[in-house]
């Protein structure tokens, strides 16, 4: 059974080696995430080369997601690397402090914090583990009362409960990193902390100016992004349900409902969606997941996410390969519970303005009413398989294309599997026959199987899919 849900793995010290990457790819990785918070441009270039070399050895296409750091809203370093704060302590966040912090105060990477807060503001540090209430703002000093204490160590993040920090989504470092992402030909570019669709539009302009073709992914992690979610999704090609910072800003109890809402909205708008953060967190140090983690991954699949993402589990964890194997197993089991709904009431009543989208929906409708073994989209841009992937036809979708950038792009599309294919014929029937033979060679279909195939009369041109054909494998003259 081919897995519909894609797996994204973050690279790091535990997974930079090519041999380890090969094992991870064979275990089921579809995309790798390169965290631009760490490493130089040269490091990213080297990692991209290693990923593509490993994918080639494994005979698979693996996409690359470049994840921008975004604004550094965090404390600086301490004299002894960390302090312990008790409930009731007074502690100062000092935007003017250039030296190391101590038991009384610490410097800030985010110099605008004193302008963004006032008496009564609630600040959450270290992913919400510590809670500070602002009692006063004096110049560059944010004076706080510790309401929930604990260990505060170097470079821990700061969130304002309910949102409201004015840091721009794209920093000067991000703008330089976009050039690097374009250089390594990243398939997706993730923008951290966008507040509006305009943040995504600016990132797209910068990517195009750098000569890149990356699809844009908005990481939804700010409270103020929620009221304008539709605007952000419209300006993006994909979103990430980034549950870490989002949970701190809106409260942990709100996140499950928001996750379902975001996935539903993204799919309705023909956008892709990744669910991320702490999905298999215990497997950083354990060889098997907790039952809660199994349920979390499975529920994301049942919600309709295109992909589930691993962070520290594969970046620094002890069991990167085992984690991917476990996640793949969970996804497959969960997918068996998803109802096939291609060609449902909503899709049949929808009005389409594009011929290629109508063909995609027709293929899904036909597949759901026939005992079809595969849907085959001969594609240039990947648009047809994207539309097909928005609903579950219960059969694999094979995106066959000669373009490497399209092959890499579709690695994130749920239910879509990339196949490198080039036909030298300009004849419709011959091209379809060549594609059929390739699928047989790859043992993806056998003689007698029914397939639904889509193609454009203008072979080799994007946006011209206008033909659907139902084919029985091995019977070239009957359809």
Protein backbone atom coordinates (compact mmCIF):
# COMPACT_ATOMS: atom_id res chain seq x y z
CA UNK A 1 0.00 0.00 0.00
CA UNK A 2 1.41 3.37 -1.03
CA UNK A 3 1.28 5.92 1.80
CA UNK A 4 -0.77 9.06 1.10
CA UNK A 5 0.53 11.23 3.94
CA UNK A 6 4.01 12.63 3.41
CA UNK A 7 6.79 12.70 6.02
CA UNK A 8 9.03 15.75 6.50
CA UNK A 9 12.27 15.23 8.46
CA UNK A 10 14.44 18.04 9.84
CA UNK A 11 18.16 17.75 9.19
CA UNK A 12 20.73 18.20 11.95
CA UNK A 13 23.74 16.53 13.55
CA UNK A 14 21.89 13.22 13.77
CA UNK A 15 20.99 13.16 10.08
CA UNK A 16 23.61 15.07 8.08
CA UNK A 17 25.58 11.96 7.11
CA UNK A 18 24.67 10.61 3.66
CA UNK A 19 24.46 6.99 4.83
CA UNK A 20 22.04 7.94 7.59
CA UNK A 21 20.04 9.99 5.10
CA UNK A 22 19.80 7.02 2.78
CA UNK A 23 18.35 4.93 5.60
CA UNK A 24 15.89 7.72 6.42
CA UNK A 25 14.80 8.01 2.79
CA UNK A 26 14.33 4.26 2.52
CA UNK A 27 12.31 4.39 5.76
CA UNK A 28 9.91 6.86 4.18
CA UNK A 29 11.12 10.49 4.17
CA UNK A 30 9.51 12.51 1.36
CA UNK A 31 10.94 15.96 2.14
CA UNK A 32 13.77 17.25 4.29
CA UNK A 33 13.57 20.49 6.27
CA UNK A 34 16.67 22.62 6.42
CA UNK A 35 16.46 24.91 9.44
CA UNK A 36 18.08 28.21 8.48
CA UNK A 37 18.31 29.20 12.15
CA UNK A 38 21.50 27.14 12.19
CA UNK A 39 24.43 27.04 9.80
CA UNK A 40 25.94 29.14 7.03
CA UNK A 41 25.05 29.40 3.36
CA UNK A 42 27.87 26.96 2.61
CA UNK A 43 26.43 24.50 5.16
CA UNK A 44 23.02 24.65 3.47
CA UNK A 45 24.53 24.15 0.03
CA UNK A 46 26.46 21.11 1.23
CA UNK A 47 23.35 19.63 2.89
CA UNK A 48 21.30 20.10 -0.28
CA UNK A 49 23.95 18.26 -2.29
CA UNK A 50 24.03 15.44 0.27
CA UNK A 51 20.24 15.09 0.24
CA UNK A 52 20.10 14.86 -3.54
CA UNK A 53 22.99 12.39 -3.63
CA UNK A 54 21.27 10.19 -1.05
CA UNK A 55 17.95 10.37 -2.91
CA UNK A 56 19.69 9.33 -6.14
CA UNK A 57 21.23 6.29 -4.44
CA UNK A 58 17.78 5.34 -3.13
CA UNK A 59 16.13 5.88 -6.51
CA UNK A 60 13.64 8.35 -5.07
CA UNK A 61 12.76 12.03 -5.39
CA UNK A 62 13.06 13.96 -2.12
CA UNK A 63 11.95 17.57 -1.79
CA UNK A 64 13.78 20.31 0.13
CA UNK A 65 12.06 22.76 2.49
CA UNK A 66 14.13 25.81 3.47
CA UNK A 67 12.81 27.18 6.77
CA UNK A 68 13.66 30.82 7.51
CA UNK A 69 14.59 31.76 11.07
CA UNK A 70 12.34 34.79 11.34
CA UNK A 71 12.67 37.44 14.06
CA UNK A 72 14.79 36.46 17.08
CA UNK A 73 12.40 37.24 19.94
CA UNK A 74 14.51 35.80 22.73
CA UNK A 75 16.75 36.54 25.67
CA UNK A 76 20.53 36.71 25.29
CA UNK A 77 23.06 34.66 27.25
CA UNK A 78 23.79 34.37 30.97
CA UNK A 79 27.09 34.45 32.87
CA UNK A 80 26.64 30.85 33.95
CA UNK A 81 24.46 29.78 30.99
CA UNK A 82 21.30 29.61 33.09
CA UNK A 83 19.52 30.84 36.21
CA UNK A 84 16.70 29.56 38.41
CA UNK A 85 13.78 31.92 39.04
CA UNK A 86 11.26 31.43 41.81
CA UNK A 87 7.63 32.53 41.92
CA UNK A 88 7.41 36.12 43.12
CA UNK A 89 10.91 37.12 42.00
CA UNK A 90 11.45 40.40 40.19
CA UNK A 91 13.37 40.05 36.93
CA UNK A 92 14.31 42.62 34.29
CA UNK A 93 14.39 42.11 30.53
CA UNK A 94 16.90 44.78 29.49
CA UNK A 95 17.02 45.79 25.83
CA UNK A 96 20.12 47.94 26.46
CA UNK A 97 22.22 45.28 28.19
CA UNK A 98 25.13 44.20 26.00
CA UNK A 99 26.92 41.95 28.47
CA UNK A 100 25.93 38.60 29.95
CA UNK A 101 22.83 38.24 32.07
CA UNK A 102 22.63 37.39 35.77
CA UNK A 103 20.08 36.62 38.47
CA UNK A 104 18.57 40.11 38.20
CA UNK A 105 18.44 40.84 34.46
CA UNK A 106 19.25 39.61 30.95
CA UNK A 107 19.70 41.25 27.55
CA UNK A 108 17.38 40.90 24.56
CA UNK A 109 17.88 40.06 20.91
CA UNK A 110 14.58 41.82 20.25
CA UNK A 111 15.24 45.48 21.08
CA UNK A 112 11.66 46.63 20.47
CA UNK A 113 10.18 44.66 23.36
CA UNK A 114 9.86 47.72 25.67
CA UNK A 115 7.72 49.41 22.99
CA UNK A 116 5.45 46.38 22.59
CA UNK A 117 4.49 45.81 26.22
CA UNK A 118 3.00 47.70 29.15
CA UNK A 119 1.97 47.08 32.73
CA UNK A 120 -0.15 43.93 32.88
CA UNK A 121 1.27 42.31 29.74
CA UNK A 122 1.86 38.56 30.16
CA UNK A 123 5.13 37.22 28.72
CA UNK A 124 5.79 33.52 28.28
CA UNK A 125 9.37 32.27 27.99
CA UNK A 126 10.94 28.96 26.98
CA UNK A 127 7.85 27.66 25.14
CA UNK A 128 5.58 28.78 27.96
CA UNK A 129 7.45 27.04 30.75
CA UNK A 130 7.98 30.39 32.55
CA UNK A 131 5.39 33.14 32.96
CA UNK A 132 6.25 36.78 33.63
CA UNK A 133 3.80 39.62 34.33
CA UNK A 134 5.05 43.06 33.35
CA UNK A 135 4.83 45.45 36.32
CA UNK A 136 6.48 48.47 34.68
CA UNK A 137 8.40 49.65 31.61
CA UNK A 138 11.22 52.13 32.27
CA UNK A 139 13.14 53.14 29.17
CA UNK A 140 14.86 50.00 27.88
CA UNK A 141 13.89 47.96 30.94
CA UNK A 142 10.86 45.66 31.08
CA UNK A 143 10.39 44.97 34.79
CA UNK A 144 8.59 41.69 35.47
CA UNK A 145 7.18 39.68 38.31
CA UNK A 146 7.82 35.94 37.98
CA UNK A 147 4.44 34.19 38.23
CA UNK A 148 5.64 30.75 37.14
CA UNK A 149 9.31 30.20 37.74
CA UNK A 150 11.86 27.64 36.67
CA UNK A 151 15.12 27.40 34.78
CA UNK A 152 15.83 30.16 32.25
CA UNK A 153 18.85 29.46 30.07
CA UNK A 154 20.64 31.06 27.11
CA UNK A 155 18.71 32.21 24.04
CA UNK A 156 15.25 31.07 25.14
CA UNK A 157 12.30 32.47 23.23
CA UNK A 158 9.77 35.07 24.38
CA UNK A 159 6.08 35.14 23.44
CA UNK A 160 3.44 37.67 24.37
CA UNK A 161 0.27 35.92 25.49
CA UNK A 162 -2.43 36.77 22.97
CA UNK A 163 0.12 38.06 20.46
CA UNK A 164 0.99 41.65 19.71
CA UNK A 165 4.76 41.75 19.22
CA UNK A 166 5.52 43.95 16.21
CA UNK A 167 8.65 42.20 14.92
CA UNK A 168 8.56 41.98 11.10
CA UNK A 169 8.28 38.48 9.65
CA UNK A 170 11.31 38.96 7.39
CA UNK A 171 14.58 40.09 8.96
CA UNK A 172 17.71 41.16 7.09
CA UNK A 173 19.11 37.67 7.73
CA UNK A 174 15.98 36.13 6.21
CA UNK A 175 16.35 38.26 3.10
CA UNK A 176 19.89 36.97 2.62
CA UNK A 177 18.76 33.42 3.35
CA UNK A 178 16.11 33.67 0.63
CA UNK A 179 18.98 34.15 -1.83
CA UNK A 180 20.59 30.98 -0.48
CA UNK A 181 17.31 29.09 -0.78
CA UNK A 182 17.08 30.18 -4.41
CA UNK A 183 20.69 29.13 -4.99
CA UNK A 184 20.16 25.60 -3.68
CA UNK A 185 16.85 25.39 -5.60
CA UNK A 186 14.75 24.71 -2.52
CA UNK A 187 11.32 23.39 -3.47
CA UNK A 188 9.55 25.13 -0.60
CA UNK A 189 10.38 28.24 1.44
CA UNK A 190 8.82 28.49 4.91
CA UNK A 191 8.28 32.00 6.29
CA UNK A 192 8.27 32.21 10.09
CA UNK A 193 5.79 34.37 12.02
CA UNK A 194 3.86 35.98 9.12
CA UNK A 195 1.16 38.35 10.35
CA UNK A 196 -0.60 39.13 7.07
CA UNK A 197 -0.72 38.03 3.46
CA UNK A 198 1.55 40.96 2.63
CA UNK A 199 4.41 39.24 4.50
CA UNK A 200 4.05 36.27 2.16
CA UNK A 201 3.80 38.49 -0.93
CA UNK A 202 7.05 40.21 0.02
CA UNK A 203 8.79 36.85 0.49
CA UNK A 204 7.57 35.76 -2.95
CA UNK A 205 8.87 38.96 -4.55
CA UNK A 206 12.27 38.46 -2.93
CA UNK A 207 12.37 34.80 -4.00
CA UNK A 208 11.57 35.72 -7.62
CA UNK A 209 14.12 38.54 -7.55
CA UNK A 210 16.74 36.00 -6.46
CA UNK A 211 15.83 33.79 -9.42
CA UNK A 212 14.19 31.11 -7.26
CA UNK A 213 11.04 29.10 -7.92
CA UNK A 214 10.31 27.88 -4.39
CA UNK A 215 6.69 27.52 -3.38
CA UNK A 216 5.86 29.71 -0.36
CA UNK A 217 4.80 28.19 2.96
CA UNK A 218 3.38 30.29 5.81
CA UNK A 219 4.15 29.04 9.31
CA UNK A 220 1.07 29.86 11.38
CA UNK A 221 2.51 30.61 14.82
CA UNK A 222 1.29 34.08 15.80
CA UNK A 223 -2.02 34.83 17.49
CA UNK A 224 -2.62 37.78 15.15
CA UNK A 225 -2.38 35.44 12.13
CA UNK A 226 -5.59 33.64 13.10
CA UNK A 227 -8.11 36.44 12.30
CA UNK A 228 -6.50 36.92 8.85
CA UNK A 229 -5.86 33.24 8.16
CA UNK A 230 -7.73 33.32 4.85
CA UNK A 231 -5.63 36.24 3.63
CA UNK A 232 -2.39 34.47 4.54
CA UNK A 233 -3.48 31.19 2.93
CA UNK A 234 -4.50 33.00 -0.27
CA UNK A 235 -1.03 34.58 -0.50
CA UNK A 236 0.74 31.25 0.08
CA UNK A 237 1.13 27.91 -1.66
CA UNK A 238 1.16 25.99 1.61
CA UNK A 239 0.88 26.47 5.35
CA UNK A 240 2.47 24.85 8.37
CA UNK A 241 0.46 24.31 11.54
CA UNK A 242 3.39 25.31 13.78
CA UNK A 243 1.94 24.23 17.09
CA UNK A 244 4.84 25.30 19.34
CA UNK A 245 4.77 29.10 19.29
CA UNK A 246 1.09 29.11 18.35
CA UNK A 247 0.24 27.12 21.46
CA UNK A 248 2.13 29.56 23.67
CA UNK A 249 0.37 32.59 22.15
CA UNK A 250 -3.23 31.31 21.96
CA UNK A 251 -3.19 28.69 24.71
CA UNK A 252 -2.65 24.96 24.33
CA UNK A 253 -6.35 24.07 24.53
CA UNK A 254 -7.12 26.16 21.43
CA UNK A 255 -4.61 24.44 19.16
CA UNK A 256 -6.40 21.14 18.31
CA UNK A 257 -9.44 23.00 17.04
CA UNK A 258 -7.29 25.48 15.13
CA UNK A 259 -5.35 22.60 13.59
CA UNK A 260 -8.53 21.09 12.17
CA UNK A 261 -9.76 24.48 10.98
CA UNK A 262 -6.46 25.34 9.25
CA UNK A 263 -6.23 21.99 7.49
CA UNK A 264 -9.81 22.28 6.26
CA UNK A 265 -9.29 25.86 5.04
CA UNK A 266 -6.03 25.04 3.27
CA UNK A 267 -7.48 22.07 1.41
CA UNK A 268 -10.59 24.04 0.42
CA UNK A 269 -8.32 26.69 -1.12
CA UNK A 270 -6.18 24.06 -2.94
CA UNK A 271 -3.23 24.77 -0.66
CA UNK A 272 -0.90 22.26 0.98
CA UNK A 273 -0.56 21.83 4.73
CA UNK A 274 2.05 20.38 7.10
CA UNK A 275 1.28 19.56 10.74
CA UNK A 276 4.33 20.06 12.94
CA UNK A 277 5.82 20.24 16.46
CA UNK A 278 6.36 17.51 19.05
CA UNK A 279 4.68 14.81 16.97
CA UNK A 280 7.08 12.08 18.15
CA UNK A 281 8.98 14.07 20.78
CA UNK A 282 9.66 11.14 23.10
CA UNK A 283 11.56 9.36 20.32
CA UNK A 284 14.40 11.85 20.68
CA UNK A 285 15.61 9.45 23.37
CA UNK A 286 13.27 6.44 23.13
CA UNK A 287 13.03 3.73 20.42
CA UNK A 288 9.20 3.69 20.39
CA UNK A 289 6.58 6.46 20.56
CA UNK A 290 4.09 7.05 23.35
CA UNK A 291 0.46 6.09 22.78
CA UNK A 292 -0.45 9.78 22.87
CA UNK A 293 2.02 10.52 20.07
CA UNK A 294 0.58 7.69 17.99
CA UNK A 295 -2.88 9.22 18.41
CA UNK A 296 -1.57 12.72 17.61
CA UNK A 297 -0.03 11.64 14.31
CA UNK A 298 -3.06 9.54 13.39
CA UNK A 299 -5.46 12.39 14.13
CA UNK A 300 -3.49 14.78 11.93
CA UNK A 301 -3.81 12.21 9.13
CA UNK A 302 -7.54 11.86 9.77
CA UNK A 303 -7.84 15.67 9.73
CA UNK A 304 -6.50 15.58 6.15
CA UNK A 305 -3.00 16.99 6.54
CA UNK A 306 -0.73 16.59 3.52
CA UNK A 307 2.30 15.88 5.68
CA UNK A 308 3.48 15.34 9.23
CA UNK A 309 6.81 16.79 10.31
CA UNK A 310 9.64 15.70 12.59
CA UNK A 311 11.92 18.30 14.17
CA UNK A 312 14.39 17.43 16.94
CA UNK A 313 13.47 13.76 16.54
CA UNK A 314 15.52 13.53 13.34
CA UNK A 315 17.78 16.58 13.81
CA UNK A 316 19.39 15.58 17.12
CA UNK A 317 17.55 12.43 18.22
CA UNK A 318 19.01 9.03 18.96
CA UNK A 319 16.59 7.15 16.68
CA UNK A 320 16.00 9.13 13.47
CA UNK A 321 15.39 6.09 11.25
CA UNK A 322 13.19 4.29 13.76
CA UNK A 323 11.13 7.46 14.24
CA UNK A 324 10.41 7.67 10.52
CA UNK A 325 9.52 3.98 10.37
CA UNK A 326 7.09 4.42 13.25
CA UNK A 327 5.52 7.52 11.71
CA UNK A 328 5.09 5.79 8.34
CA UNK A 329 3.43 2.82 10.03
CA UNK A 330 1.01 5.07 11.93
CA UNK A 331 0.11 7.04 8.80
CA UNK A 332 -0.68 3.91 6.83
CA UNK A 333 -2.93 2.53 9.54
CA UNK A 334 -4.77 5.84 9.94
CA UNK A 335 -5.28 6.20 6.19
CA UNK A 336 -7.29 2.98 6.14
CA UNK A 337 -9.90 4.74 8.25
CA UNK A 338 -10.32 7.71 5.89
CA UNK A 339 -13.50 7.64 3.87
CA UNK A 340 -13.10 7.84 0.10
CA UNK A 341 -14.94 11.01 -0.93
CA UNK A 342 -13.82 11.95 -4.44
CA UNK A 343 -16.86 12.90 -6.45
CA UNK A 344 -18.98 13.78 -3.42
CA UNK A 345 -21.89 16.22 -3.45
CA UNK A 346 -19.73 19.30 -2.93
CA UNK A 347 -17.34 18.50 -5.76
CA UNK A 348 -20.06 17.62 -8.27
CA UNK A 349 -21.91 20.88 -7.61
CA UNK A 350 -18.78 23.05 -7.75
CA UNK A 351 -18.37 25.34 -10.76
CA UNK A 352 -14.93 25.28 -12.41
CA UNK A 353 -13.45 28.05 -14.53
CA UNK A 354 -10.42 26.08 -15.78
CA UNK A 355 -10.53 23.11 -18.14
CA UNK A 356 -7.56 21.39 -16.50
CA UNK A 357 -9.20 21.59 -13.06
CA UNK A 358 -12.41 20.14 -14.50
CA UNK A 359 -10.41 17.26 -15.99
CA UNK A 360 -8.76 16.62 -12.61
CA UNK A 361 -12.13 16.44 -10.86
CA UNK A 362 -13.55 14.23 -13.61
CA UNK A 363 -10.66 11.81 -13.14
CA UNK A 364 -11.37 11.63 -9.40
CA UNK A 365 -15.08 11.08 -10.01
CA UNK A 366 -14.39 8.28 -12.49
CA UNK A 367 -11.84 6.64 -10.21
CA UNK A 368 -14.27 6.61 -7.29
CA UNK A 369 -16.94 4.86 -9.35
CA UNK A 370 -14.75 2.27 -11.07
CA UNK A 371 -12.38 -0.34 -9.67
CA UNK A 372 -9.39 1.71 -10.73
CA UNK A 373 -5.87 0.81 -9.56
CA UNK A 374 -4.26 4.18 -10.32
CA UNK A 375 -4.80 7.74 -11.49
CA UNK A 376 -2.04 8.92 -13.81
CA UNK A 377 -1.44 12.62 -14.49
CA UNK A 378 1.03 13.48 -17.24
CA UNK A 379 1.93 16.95 -16.06
CA UNK A 380 4.34 19.83 -16.54
CA UNK A 381 3.49 22.24 -13.72
CA UNK A 382 1.99 19.80 -11.21
CA UNK A 383 -1.33 21.68 -11.05
CA UNK A 384 -3.48 18.72 -12.12
CA UNK A 385 -2.12 16.32 -9.47
CA UNK A 386 -2.42 19.10 -6.87
CA UNK A 387 -6.15 19.44 -7.53
CA UNK A 388 -6.50 15.66 -7.51
CA UNK A 389 -4.74 15.48 -4.14
CA UNK A 390 -7.33 17.69 -2.43
CA UNK A 391 -9.73 14.74 -2.21
CA UNK A 392 -9.17 11.09 -1.47
CA UNK A 393 -10.03 8.83 -4.38
CA UNK A 394 -8.75 5.79 -2.52
CA UNK A 395 -6.11 5.03 -5.16
CA UNK A 396 -2.56 6.32 -5.74
CA UNK A 397 -2.01 9.28 -8.05
CA UNK A 398 1.14 9.09 -10.18
CA UNK A 399 2.49 12.44 -11.39
CA UNK A 400 4.57 11.65 -14.47
CA UNK A 401 6.76 14.50 -15.69
CA UNK A 402 10.18 15.12 -17.28
CA UNK A 403 10.77 18.20 -15.08
CA UNK A 404 12.87 17.66 -11.96
CA UNK A 405 11.42 20.76 -10.25
CA UNK A 406 7.89 19.38 -10.66
CA UNK A 407 8.95 15.96 -9.38
CA UNK A 408 10.35 17.59 -6.23
CA UNK A 409 7.33 19.83 -5.79
CA UNK A 410 4.79 16.99 -5.75
CA UNK A 411 6.65 15.18 -2.95
CA UNK A 412 4.46 17.20 -0.55
CA UNK A 413 1.12 16.48 -2.27
CA UNK A 414 -0.86 13.89 -0.30
CA UNK A 415 -1.51 10.74 -2.29
CA UNK A 416 0.70 11.84 -5.19
CA UNK A 417 3.83 9.94 -6.16
CA UNK A 418 6.42 11.45 -8.54
CA UNK A 419 7.69 9.47 -11.52
CA UNK A 420 10.31 10.78 -13.91
CA UNK A 421 8.95 10.21 -17.41
CA UNK A 422 9.72 11.55 -20.85
CA UNK A 423 8.11 10.48 -24.11
CA UNK A 424 9.65 11.44 -27.42
CA UNK A 425 6.32 11.14 -29.17
CA UNK A 426 3.99 14.05 -29.90
CA UNK A 427 1.14 11.62 -30.49
CA UNK A 428 -1.40 11.42 -27.67
CA UNK A 429 -2.02 7.69 -27.85
CA UNK A 430 1.66 6.81 -28.10
CA UNK A 431 2.57 9.00 -25.12
CA UNK A 432 -0.13 7.38 -22.99
CA UNK A 433 1.04 3.95 -24.10
CA UNK A 434 4.65 4.83 -23.19
CA UNK A 435 3.48 5.98 -19.76
CA UNK A 436 1.54 2.75 -19.29
CA UNK A 437 4.62 0.69 -20.16
CA UNK A 438 6.71 2.65 -17.66
CA UNK A 439 4.19 1.97 -14.88
CA UNK A 440 4.21 -1.74 -15.76
CA UNK A 441 8.02 -1.74 -15.73
CA UNK A 442 7.97 -0.19 -12.27
CA UNK A 443 5.45 -2.87 -11.18
CA UNK A 444 2.94 -0.22 -10.12
CA UNK A 445 0.23 -1.72 -12.34
CA UNK A 446 -0.21 -5.10 -14.02
CA UNK A 447 -2.03 -6.36 -17.09
CA UNK A 448 -5.79 -6.06 -16.69
CA UNK A 449 -5.72 -3.15 -14.24
CA UNK A 450 -7.90 -0.13 -14.95
CA UNK A 451 -6.28 3.31 -14.88
CA UNK A 452 -7.59 6.84 -15.32
CA UNK A 453 -5.06 8.93 -17.28
CA UNK A 454 -4.98 12.67 -17.95
CA UNK A 455 -2.92 14.54 -20.53
CA UNK A 456 -2.93 17.76 -22.52
CA UNK A 457 -3.25 17.92 -26.30
CA UNK A 458 -0.42 20.45 -26.26
CA UNK A 459 2.09 17.92 -24.93
CA UNK A 460 4.88 19.54 -22.93
CA UNK A 461 3.02 22.77 -22.16
CA UNK A 462 1.85 23.79 -18.69
CA UNK A 463 -1.84 24.35 -17.97
CA UNK A 464 -3.14 22.52 -21.04
CA UNK A 465 -4.49 19.27 -19.55
CA UNK A 466 -7.76 18.73 -21.42
CA UNK A 467 -8.10 14.97 -21.90
CA UNK A 468 -9.07 12.10 -19.61
CA UNK A 469 -8.89 8.51 -20.73
CA UNK A 470 -9.83 5.27 -18.98
CA UNK A 471 -7.32 2.58 -19.92
CA UNK A 472 -7.12 -1.15 -19.24
CA UNK A 473 -3.47 -2.10 -18.94
CA UNK A 474 -2.32 -4.28 -21.80
CA UNK A 475 -5.30 -3.52 -24.01
CA UNK A 476 -4.10 -0.60 -26.10
CA UNK A 477 -7.00 -0.48 -28.52
CA UNK A 478 -9.90 -0.60 -26.07
CA UNK A 479 -10.71 2.11 -23.55
